[in-house]
Amino acid sequence: MSMTQTSACPTLAPEMAVPIDRAALRAVAYADVFDYPLEAAEVHRYLHGVAATPEETAMALARHTVPGGPLSYRDGFYTLRGREGLV
């Protein structure tokens, strides 16, 4: 499995990411177009193209919110990193 180094945290290269990880990121990115942060349950609800449990969705979100990851978590909401002001 290919790994890339971003900041101090290794992350999966986009082409090797787990499908649930890609789907969770796409859900948050789509909501960002409308300046709308999502709660974990909403990310789970809006997953497209993958079947996952709420727990699997939560694990994908946790992988994305590590330091240097593409998502931020603030006050119960997920946003793209740098878009925390939406909360």
C-alpha atoms as a PDB file:
ATOM      1  CA  MET A   1       0.000   0.000   0.000  1.00  0.00           C
ATOM      2  CA  SER A   2       1.376   3.386  -0.969  1.00  0.00           C
ATOM      3  CA  MET A   3       1.908   5.941   1.781  1.00  0.00           C
ATOM      4  CA  THR A   4       2.686   9.619   1.502  1.00  0.00           C
ATOM      5  CA  GLN A   5       4.162  11.810   4.204  1.00  0.00           C
ATOM      6  CA  THR A   6       2.242  14.985   4.984  1.00  0.00           C
ATOM      7  CA  SER A   7       3.486  17.062   7.861  1.00  0.00           C
ATOM      8  CA  ALA A   8       4.317  14.703  10.726  1.00  0.00           C
ATOM      9  CA  CYS A   9       1.527  12.293   9.885  1.00  0.00           C
ATOM     10  CA  PRO A  10       1.548   9.546   7.241  1.00  0.00           C
ATOM     11  CA  THR A  11      -1.661   9.320   5.221  1.00  0.00           C
ATOM     12  CA  LEU A  12      -2.881   7.068   2.463  1.00  0.00           C
ATOM     13  CA  ALA A  13      -2.231   8.301  -1.042  1.00  0.00           C
ATOM     14  CA  PRO A  14      -5.591   9.321  -2.588  1.00  0.00           C
ATOM     15  CA  GLU A  15      -5.528   6.504  -5.143  1.00  0.00           C
ATOM     16  CA  MET A  16      -4.970   3.940  -2.369  1.00  0.00           C
ATOM     17  CA  ALA A  17      -7.430   5.318   0.188  1.00  0.00           C
ATOM     18  CA  VAL A  18     -10.138   3.071   1.559  1.00  0.00           C
ATOM     19  CA  PRO A  19     -13.457   3.658  -0.284  1.00  0.00           C
ATOM     20  CA  ILE A  20     -15.191   4.797   2.922  1.00  0.00           C
ATOM     21  CA  ASP A  21     -12.439   7.372   3.453  1.00  0.00           C
ATOM     22  CA  ARG A  22     -12.934   8.789  -0.029  1.00  0.00           C
ATOM     23  CA  ALA A  23     -16.733   8.782   0.348  1.00  0.00           C
ATOM     24  CA  ALA A  24     -16.609  10.594   3.701  1.00  0.00           C
ATOM     25  CA  LEU A  25     -14.255  13.222   2.301  1.00  0.00           C
ATOM     26  CA  ARG A  26     -16.479  13.693  -0.762  1.00  0.00           C
ATOM     27  CA  ALA A  27     -19.560  14.174   1.456  1.00  0.00           C
ATOM     28  CA  VAL A  28     -17.853  16.915   3.484  1.00  0.00           C
ATOM     29  CA  ALA A  29     -16.415  18.531   0.349  1.00  0.00           C
ATOM     30  CA  TYR A  30     -19.826  18.595  -1.345  1.00  0.00           C
ATOM     31  CA  ALA A  31     -21.460  20.194   1.703  1.00  0.00           C
ATOM     32  CA  ASP A  32     -18.628  22.753   1.727  1.00  0.00           C
ATOM     33  CA  VAL A  33     -19.799  24.013  -1.675  1.00  0.00           C
ATOM     34  CA  PHE A  34     -22.916  25.218   0.157  1.00  0.00           C
ATOM     35  CA  ASP A  35     -20.961  26.526   3.194  1.00  0.00           C
ATOM     36  CA  TYR A  36     -22.532  23.787   5.311  1.00  0.00           C
ATOM     37  CA  PRO A  37     -20.612  21.844   7.988  1.00  0.00           C
ATOM     38  CA  LEU A  38     -21.735  18.271   8.669  1.00  0.00           C
ATOM     39  CA  GLU A  39     -22.209  16.218  11.806  1.00  0.00           C
ATOM     40  CA  ALA A  40     -20.953  12.611  11.750  1.00  0.00           C
ATOM     41  CA  ALA A  41     -24.493  11.264  11.257  1.00  0.00           C
ATOM     42  CA  GLU A  42     -24.932  13.536   8.247  1.00  0.00           C
ATOM     43  CA  VAL A  43     -21.633  12.422   6.736  1.00  0.00           C
ATOM     44  CA  HIS A  44     -22.826   8.840   7.172  1.00  0.00           C
ATOM     45  CA  ARG A  45     -26.205   9.643   5.607  1.00  0.00           C
ATOM     46  CA  TYR A  46     -24.622  11.310   2.572  1.00  0.00           C
ATOM     47  CA  LEU A  47     -22.034   8.622   1.777  1.00  0.00           C
ATOM     48  CA  HIS A  48     -22.230   7.879  -1.920  1.00  0.00           C
ATOM     49  CA  GLY A  49     -21.272   4.598  -3.516  1.00  0.00           C
ATOM     50  CA  VAL A  50     -20.239   2.694  -0.377  1.00  0.00           C
ATOM     51  CA  ALA A  51     -22.057   0.821   2.348  1.00  0.00           C
ATOM     52  CA  ALA A  52     -20.677   1.475   5.818  1.00  0.00           C
ATOM     53  CA  THR A  53     -21.765   1.360   9.415  1.00  0.00           C
ATOM     54  CA  PRO A  54     -21.836   4.537  11.497  1.00  0.00           C
ATOM     55  CA  GLU A  55     -18.771   3.201  13.315  1.00  0.00           C
ATOM     56  CA  GLU A  56     -16.843   2.760  10.042  1.00  0.00           C
ATOM     57  CA  THR A  57     -17.800   6.296   9.058  1.00  0.00           C
ATOM     58  CA  ALA A  58     -16.574   7.585  12.422  1.00  0.00           C
ATOM     59  CA  MET A  59     -13.245   5.769  11.944  1.00  0.00           C
ATOM     60  CA  ALA A  60     -12.841   7.295   8.467  1.00  0.00           C
ATOM     61  CA  LEU A  61     -13.555  10.752   9.876  1.00  0.00           C
ATOM     62  CA  ALA A  62     -11.005  10.168  12.630  1.00  0.00           C
ATOM     63  CA  ARG A  63      -8.382   9.250  10.018  1.00  0.00           C
ATOM     64  CA  HIS A  64      -9.125  12.468   8.111  1.00  0.00           C
ATOM     65  CA  THR A  65      -8.953  14.754  11.170  1.00  0.00           C
ATOM     66  CA  VAL A  66      -5.438  13.858  12.291  1.00  0.00           C
ATOM     67  CA  PRO A  67      -2.995  16.790  12.261  1.00  0.00           C
ATOM     68  CA  GLY A  68      -2.298  17.620   8.636  1.00  0.00           C
ATOM     69  CA  GLY A  69      -5.383  15.725   7.448  1.00  0.00           C
ATOM     70  CA  PRO A  70      -7.927  17.202   5.051  1.00  0.00           C
ATOM     71  CA  LEU A  71     -10.755  17.646   7.593  1.00  0.00           C
ATOM     72  CA  SER A  72     -11.282  19.573  10.812  1.00  0.00           C
ATOM     73  CA  TYR A  73     -13.612  18.741  13.688  1.00  0.00           C
ATOM     74  CA  ARG A  74     -15.066  21.554  15.766  1.00  0.00           C
ATOM     75  CA  ASP A  75     -18.056  21.657  18.127  1.00  0.00           C
ATOM     76  CA  GLY A  76     -19.538  18.450  16.696  1.00  0.00           C
ATOM     77  CA  PHE A  77     -19.115  19.400  13.034  1.00  0.00           C
ATOM     78  CA  TYR A  78     -16.739  18.359  10.258  1.00  0.00           C
ATOM     79  CA  THR A  79     -15.434  20.819   7.680  1.00  0.00           C
ATOM     80  CA  LEU A  80     -12.622  20.951   5.193  1.00  0.00           C
ATOM     81  CA  ARG A  81      -9.417  22.078   6.895  1.00  0.00           C
ATOM     82  CA  GLY A  82      -9.319  25.869   6.912  1.00  0.00           C
ATOM     83  CA  ARG A  83     -13.115  26.169   6.756  1.00  0.00           C
ATOM     84  CA  GLU A  84     -13.764  25.880  10.497  1.00  0.00           C
ATOM     85  CA  GLY A  85     -15.444  29.299  10.417  1.00  0.00           C
ATOM     86  CA  LEU A  86     -18.544  27.617   8.973  1.00  0.00           C
ATOM     87  CA  VAL A  87     -19.317  26.158  12.394  1.00  0.00           C
END
